[in-house]
Every structure is written in C-alpha cells, then in structure tokens.
Amino acid sequence: MKSGAQISWLPDGKRLHMHHGPIDLIVEIWGSGKAQAYQRAAFRFQSILEELVEELPELRRPAVVQARFKGAIAAAMQNAVVRHLPEFVTPMAAVAGAVADEIASVIAETPKVQKAYVNNGGDIALVLGTYETLTADVGGGVGRATLHGASEIRGIATSGWRGRSLSFGIADAVTVLASSAALADVAATLVGNAVDLPDDGSITRAPAESQNLDSDLGHRSVTVAVPSLSDADVATALGRGRDFAEGLGAAHGVWGGMLTLQGQVITFGELSLSNTIK
C-alpha cells in the first residue's frame, strides 16, 4: 500500500503529528498502553485519505437518507448528517470529526489507555475513562470547558465564517459538545449557519465556488466579510443560532455549546451549567 502520510513526534515528544493532504491530526495519549495505541493509530491513519477519496463524489453531494457508503468513516459521516435532514447539508460537513473519531476508536480499543484526544484542526475526538477529565478551549478560545468521562460528551467541534470552512452565517465561532466528533462537526456547521442576519445587506457574501473551487456548497452564498454590527444586531444573530442549537438536543447527540460574535458570548446546554469564560 502506497501512502503519502507523514507521521512524526512534535518537539515535546508527547504528541504525535499525523498529516496527509488536507488531514492534519495532533494526538496525545495517557496510560501505560500508550505506546501500542500510538502505533495502532499511526497504522490506521495511513489508509484514511485513500478511503475517503474513493467515495468523495458522493460525499460531496447533498445528503439523502438512501445513500450508502463502503468505508467506515464515510458511513459515519452519513449517519451524522442525515439526522439533520431536511436541512441542506452534505456528508462533508462531518468529515474532520469523523476522521478524528476513527483514530480515537482505534486508541480506545487498545488496553491500558486512560484517556486521549485526537485534534483534527479543531474538531476533537475524546477517549475518556469513567473517572478521567480533559479541558479544552471553546468558543474560539473565549472560554474553557472540562469534559468528564462519566458524561456522554466525546466530541468537540468549532465552526464559523472566520475558520477554515465556509459558512452561510456570521458567527466568529460556534463550539458544540456532542456524543462524537462527527456529530459535533456537523452541528457546529449548522449552528454557525443559523447565526445570521439574512436581510442585512452590509454583510458581504459570495458564491462558495468563488472562494474554493472544490467546495461542496457550489453556487450557494457564503460569508466573506462582516462589518461592525450594533449590539442589538449581534444579539439578534446569536439568538437565532441559540434557538436552532437548542432545537437539536440528544436526538442529534448535542449536549451544549458556545456561540460568539463581535465580543458577545452566549451558551446553551451543558456549557450553561458551568463557568467557562476565561
């Protein structure tokens, strides 16, 4: 099997960096089984991009219930997005999270691993024993949240118009905590889309394909610039996003989150129950 995957230790010697094409993972593992877990994660990583490329044309199409995929990661992407139909979404909305989940699942199956995280450009899959905890930045670095092994949360994802992905909305950052990274990934995308002022002509939008020729969003308009907004308009846009997010809940594997826009911050679900602001 040929692979262009690049795998190396970061300078601290504790975190493994795995890179292949658009996939860029940072992995850290705790426990006496971590050496074997790192080896298994590195081996699994080498074939992931090729598996996704095989099914890429279908993955880039709007999600439909009847779609079927061969690969485990593609199937996980499909499972994450169909929960949100009839919203417009493609399986690619879950790709970063699903990749992180796949590596996390290999780590979790390794004996004597206490905890781990797989960070795929901000979409994070967690491995947590019942009594373990991990602390993560949320809201684009605005706050921090401590995740407990006894909870249902095993994925964190952040989206927004300023990030690496294109957005229909104007959120600076939307972080979602969910049962998996794939579920968090697609939910953060859709909540970010909902943070919007659709009738405000001062917001600059352009066809997605003009910003990225390979975008699965095609001719649909995405946000490219947001002017300074009044406090009232910011609150209105964030309120739209929170209303959408609160309508998701356990059926979508969503447990909480944080939305930020031009200095204003709101939370929902489990993040509302703790002090997460730095």
Protein backbone atom coordinates (compact mmCIF):
# COMPACT_ATOMS: atom_id res chain seq x y z
CA MET A 1 0.00 0.00 0.00
CA LYS A 2 1.38 3.37 -1.01
CA SER A 3 0.83 6.29 1.32
CA GLY A 4 1.96 9.90 1.41
CA ALA A 5 1.13 10.13 5.10
CA GLN A 6 3.66 11.98 7.24
CA ILE A 7 3.87 10.91 10.87
CA SER A 8 6.26 12.41 13.43
CA TRP A 9 6.58 13.47 17.04
CA LEU A 10 6.16 17.10 17.96
CA PRO A 11 9.11 18.69 19.81
CA ASP A 12 7.60 17.95 23.24
CA GLY A 13 7.87 14.21 22.50
CA LYS A 14 4.37 13.67 23.91
CA ARG A 15 2.14 14.44 20.93
CA LEU A 16 2.06 12.68 17.59
CA HIS A 17 1.53 14.74 14.44
CA MET A 18 -0.08 12.92 11.51
CA HIS A 19 -0.51 14.73 8.21
CA HIS A 20 -1.81 13.61 4.82
CA GLY A 21 -3.23 16.04 2.27
CA PRO A 22 -5.97 18.08 3.97
CA ILE A 23 -5.93 15.89 7.12
CA ASP A 24 -3.80 17.24 9.96
CA LEU A 25 -4.04 15.48 13.35
CA ILE A 26 -2.48 16.05 16.74
CA VAL A 27 -2.80 13.04 19.06
CA GLU A 28 -1.96 12.76 22.74
CA ILE A 29 -2.49 9.62 24.81
CA TRP A 30 -2.18 8.83 28.52
CA GLY A 31 -1.79 5.42 30.16
CA SER A 32 0.66 2.52 30.20
CA GLY A 33 -0.75 1.26 26.89
CA LYS A 34 0.01 4.48 25.02
CA ALA A 35 3.00 3.16 23.04
CA GLN A 36 0.87 0.47 21.43
CA ALA A 37 -2.01 2.91 20.97
CA TYR A 38 0.22 5.39 19.12
CA GLN A 39 1.41 2.57 16.84
CA ARG A 40 -2.11 1.43 16.07
CA ALA A 41 -3.28 4.99 15.42
CA ALA A 42 -0.37 5.64 13.04
CA PHE A 43 -1.05 2.42 11.12
CA ARG A 44 -4.74 3.17 10.74
CA PHE A 45 -4.06 6.74 9.63
CA GLN A 46 -2.08 5.71 6.56
CA SER A 47 -5.08 4.50 4.56
CA ILE A 48 -7.72 7.04 5.61
CA LEU A 49 -7.30 9.61 2.83
CA GLU A 50 -7.42 6.99 0.07
CA GLU A 51 -10.60 5.53 1.54
CA LEU A 52 -12.30 8.92 1.55
CA VAL A 53 -11.14 9.84 -1.96
CA GLU A 54 -12.75 6.65 -3.32
CA GLU A 55 -16.18 7.89 -2.27
CA LEU A 56 -15.59 11.65 -2.50
CA PRO A 57 -18.01 12.45 -5.35
CA GLU A 58 -20.96 11.01 -3.43
CA LEU A 59 -19.77 12.53 -0.14
CA ARG A 60 -19.85 15.99 -1.72
CA ARG A 61 -23.48 15.68 -2.81
CA PRO A 62 -26.39 16.88 -0.65
CA ALA A 63 -27.24 14.28 1.96
CA VAL A 64 -30.10 11.85 1.29
CA VAL A 65 -31.35 9.09 3.55
CA GLN A 66 -30.86 6.33 0.99
CA ALA A 67 -27.15 6.99 0.38
CA ARG A 68 -24.87 4.07 1.27
CA PHE A 69 -21.10 4.11 1.71
CA LYS A 70 -18.49 1.36 1.85
CA GLY A 71 -15.94 2.91 4.19
CA ALA A 72 -16.43 3.16 7.95
CA ILE A 73 -15.59 6.87 8.03
CA ALA A 74 -17.85 7.73 5.10
CA ALA A 75 -20.68 5.78 6.76
CA ALA A 76 -20.12 7.71 10.00
CA MET A 77 -20.30 10.98 8.07
CA GLN A 78 -23.58 9.90 6.52
CA ASN A 79 -25.00 8.89 9.90
CA ALA A 80 -24.07 12.27 11.38
CA VAL A 81 -25.68 14.40 8.68
CA VAL A 82 -28.93 12.53 7.94
CA ARG A 83 -30.14 13.37 11.45
CA HIS A 84 -30.37 16.98 10.31
CA LEU A 85 -32.44 16.48 7.17
CA PRO A 86 -34.25 18.29 5.57
CA GLU A 87 -31.62 20.99 6.34
CA PHE A 88 -29.20 21.40 3.44
CA VAL A 89 -26.05 19.53 4.39
CA THR A 90 -23.54 17.25 2.71
CA PRO A 91 -21.64 14.42 4.41
CA MET A 92 -18.51 16.57 4.07
CA ALA A 93 -19.84 18.68 6.95
CA ALA A 94 -18.79 15.82 9.24
CA VAL A 95 -15.52 14.77 7.61
CA ALA A 96 -13.00 16.26 10.05
CA GLY A 97 -14.86 14.97 13.07
CA ALA A 98 -15.40 11.52 11.58
CA VAL A 99 -11.68 11.15 10.85
CA ALA A 100 -10.87 12.13 14.43
CA ASP A 101 -13.45 9.65 15.72
CA GLU A 102 -11.93 6.82 13.68
CA ILE A 103 -8.46 7.34 15.13
CA ALA A 104 -9.94 7.75 18.62
CA SER A 105 -11.78 4.43 18.25
CA VAL A 106 -8.52 2.62 17.49
CA ILE A 107 -6.93 4.19 20.57
CA ALA A 108 -9.93 3.33 22.76
CA GLU A 109 -9.69 -0.34 21.74
CA THR A 110 -6.09 -0.52 22.99
CA PRO A 111 -5.69 -1.92 26.51
CA LYS A 112 -4.44 0.28 29.36
CA VAL A 113 -5.26 3.63 27.78
CA GLN A 114 -6.63 6.07 30.35
CA LYS A 115 -7.51 8.99 28.11
CA ALA A 116 -6.60 10.60 24.79
CA TYR A 117 -7.61 13.26 22.32
CA VAL A 118 -7.39 13.42 18.55
CA ASN A 119 -7.45 17.01 17.31
CA ASN A 120 -8.21 17.40 13.60
CA GLY A 121 -7.82 21.14 13.08
CA GLY A 122 -10.12 21.96 16.00
CA ASP A 123 -12.53 19.06 15.59
CA ILE A 124 -11.64 16.86 18.54
CA ALA A 125 -12.49 13.27 19.43
CA LEU A 126 -12.05 12.23 23.06
CA VAL A 127 -11.17 8.96 24.73
CA LEU A 128 -12.05 9.18 28.43
CA GLY A 129 -12.18 6.58 31.16
CA THR A 130 -15.08 6.98 33.56
CA TYR A 131 -13.06 8.96 36.11
CA GLU A 132 -10.85 10.88 33.67
CA THR A 133 -11.15 14.52 32.58
CA LEU A 134 -9.80 16.72 29.80
CA THR A 135 -10.02 20.51 29.49
CA ALA A 136 -10.50 22.18 26.11
CA ASP A 137 -10.80 25.68 24.71
CA VAL A 138 -14.29 26.58 23.48
CA GLY A 139 -15.78 29.48 21.56
CA GLY A 140 -12.62 30.08 19.57
CA GLY A 141 -10.55 30.44 22.74
CA VAL A 142 -13.03 32.63 24.63
CA GLY A 143 -13.65 30.00 27.31
CA ARG A 144 -12.64 26.60 28.58
CA ALA A 145 -14.68 23.54 29.39
CA THR A 146 -13.71 20.48 31.42
CA LEU A 147 -15.09 17.24 29.97
CA HIS A 148 -15.72 14.29 32.30
CA GLY A 149 -15.56 10.62 31.40
CA ALA A 150 -18.89 9.96 33.09
CA SER A 151 -20.68 12.28 30.65
CA GLU A 152 -21.93 11.49 27.13
CA ILE A 153 -19.58 14.03 25.53
CA ARG A 154 -16.87 12.53 23.31
CA GLY A 155 -16.57 15.19 20.61
CA ILE A 156 -15.90 18.91 20.31
CA ALA A 157 -16.05 20.98 17.12
CA THR A 158 -15.80 24.66 16.30
CA SER A 159 -17.08 26.42 13.18
CA GLY A 160 -17.56 29.99 11.99
CA TRP A 161 -17.12 32.27 9.00
CA ARG A 162 -13.53 33.10 10.00
CA GLY A 163 -12.44 29.48 10.16
CA ARG A 164 -11.02 27.10 7.57
CA SER A 165 -14.52 26.10 6.42
CA LEU A 166 -17.02 28.25 4.56
CA SER A 167 -20.17 29.36 6.41
CA PHE A 168 -23.58 30.71 5.49
CA GLY A 169 -23.64 32.57 8.82
CA ILE A 170 -21.69 35.30 10.58
CA ALA A 171 -20.59 33.70 13.87
CA ASP A 172 -16.98 34.33 14.81
CA ALA A 173 -17.01 30.90 16.44
CA VAL A 174 -19.52 28.23 17.40
CA THR A 175 -18.33 25.36 19.57
CA VAL A 176 -20.54 22.31 20.04
CA LEU A 177 -20.08 19.47 22.53
CA ALA A 178 -21.58 16.21 21.29
CA SER A 179 -21.53 12.43 21.63
CA SER A 180 -18.90 12.17 18.88
CA ALA A 181 -16.64 14.50 16.94
CA ALA A 182 -18.61 13.81 13.73
CA LEU A 183 -21.88 14.82 15.39
CA ALA A 184 -20.20 17.91 16.88
CA ASP A 185 -18.71 18.81 13.50
CA VAL A 186 -21.96 18.87 11.54
CA ALA A 187 -23.88 20.52 14.39
CA ALA A 188 -21.29 23.30 14.74
CA THR A 189 -21.54 23.93 10.99
CA LEU A 190 -25.32 24.18 11.04
CA VAL A 191 -25.50 26.26 14.21
CA GLY A 192 -22.88 28.57 12.70
CA ASN A 193 -25.05 28.90 9.60
CA ALA A 194 -28.00 29.88 11.79
CA VAL A 195 -26.11 32.76 13.46
CA ASP A 196 -27.06 35.28 10.81
CA LEU A 197 -28.78 38.48 9.76
CA PRO A 198 -30.11 37.31 6.39
CA ASP A 199 -31.58 40.70 5.42
CA ASP A 200 -28.52 42.79 6.29
CA GLY A 201 -27.04 43.99 3.00
CA SER A 202 -23.85 45.23 4.67
CA ILE A 203 -22.64 41.64 5.10
CA THR A 204 -20.54 40.60 2.11
CA ARG A 205 -21.38 37.23 0.60
CA ALA A 206 -20.15 35.39 -2.47
CA PRO A 207 -20.71 32.01 -4.17
CA ALA A 208 -18.86 29.27 -2.33
CA GLU A 209 -17.23 28.12 -5.56
CA SER A 210 -15.64 31.56 -5.96
CA GLN A 211 -13.86 31.09 -2.62
CA ASN A 212 -12.98 27.44 -3.09
CA LEU A 213 -13.32 25.71 -6.43
CA ASP A 214 -13.69 22.34 -4.71
CA SER A 215 -16.38 23.45 -2.26
CA ASP A 216 -19.31 21.07 -1.87
CA LEU A 217 -21.53 24.16 -1.40
CA GLY A 218 -21.36 25.07 -5.10
CA HIS A 219 -23.06 28.35 -6.02
CA ARG A 220 -24.61 28.92 -2.59
CA SER A 221 -23.66 32.23 -0.98
CA VAL A 222 -21.18 32.15 1.89
CA THR A 223 -19.98 34.92 4.17
CA VAL A 224 -16.73 36.63 3.23
CA ALA A 225 -16.85 39.85 5.33
CA VAL A 226 -18.85 41.10 8.30
CA PRO A 227 -18.84 44.81 9.26
CA SER A 228 -19.03 46.12 12.80
CA LEU A 229 -22.59 45.45 13.98
CA SER A 230 -24.74 47.09 16.61
CA ASP A 231 -25.10 45.30 19.92
CA ALA A 232 -28.75 44.68 19.11
CA ASP A 233 -27.95 43.09 15.76
CA VAL A 234 -25.27 40.91 17.33
CA ALA A 235 -27.74 39.74 19.96
CA THR A 236 -30.34 39.01 17.29
CA ALA A 237 -27.93 36.92 15.22
CA LEU A 238 -26.70 34.99 18.25
CA GLY A 239 -30.27 34.41 19.35
CA ARG A 240 -31.08 32.80 16.01
CA GLY A 241 -28.16 30.44 16.46
CA ARG A 242 -29.06 29.57 20.03
CA ASP A 243 -32.68 28.87 19.08
CA PHE A 244 -31.50 26.48 16.37
CA ALA A 245 -28.97 24.82 18.69
CA GLU A 246 -31.48 24.31 21.48
CA GLY A 247 -33.74 22.52 18.99
CA LEU A 248 -31.13 19.82 18.44
CA GLY A 249 -30.51 18.08 21.75
CA ALA A 250 -29.96 14.41 22.43
CA ALA A 251 -31.60 13.24 19.17
CA HIS A 252 -28.68 14.85 17.37
CA GLY A 253 -26.13 13.86 20.01
CA VAL A 254 -25.69 17.52 21.01
CA TRP A 255 -25.19 18.36 24.70
CA GLY A 256 -24.12 22.00 24.80
CA GLY A 257 -22.12 24.75 23.20
CA MET A 258 -20.91 28.33 23.00
CA LEU A 259 -21.58 30.97 20.32
CA THR A 260 -19.51 34.14 19.90
CA LEU A 261 -19.87 37.20 17.71
CA GLN A 262 -18.06 40.54 18.00
CA GLY A 263 -17.45 40.30 21.72
CA GLN A 264 -20.81 38.85 22.74
CA VAL A 265 -20.98 35.28 24.03
CA ILE A 266 -23.94 33.02 24.69
CA THR A 267 -24.08 29.37 25.76
CA PHE A 268 -26.59 26.55 25.69
CA GLY A 269 -26.98 23.10 27.23
CA GLU A 270 -24.23 21.78 29.48
CA LEU A 271 -21.98 24.77 28.92
CA SER A 272 -24.68 26.91 30.52
CA LEU A 273 -24.23 24.98 33.75
CA SER A 274 -20.61 25.88 34.43
CA ASN A 275 -18.30 28.86 34.39
CA THR A 276 -16.45 28.51 31.09
CA ILE A 277 -15.36 32.11 30.47
CA LYS A 278 -11.64 32.67 30.88
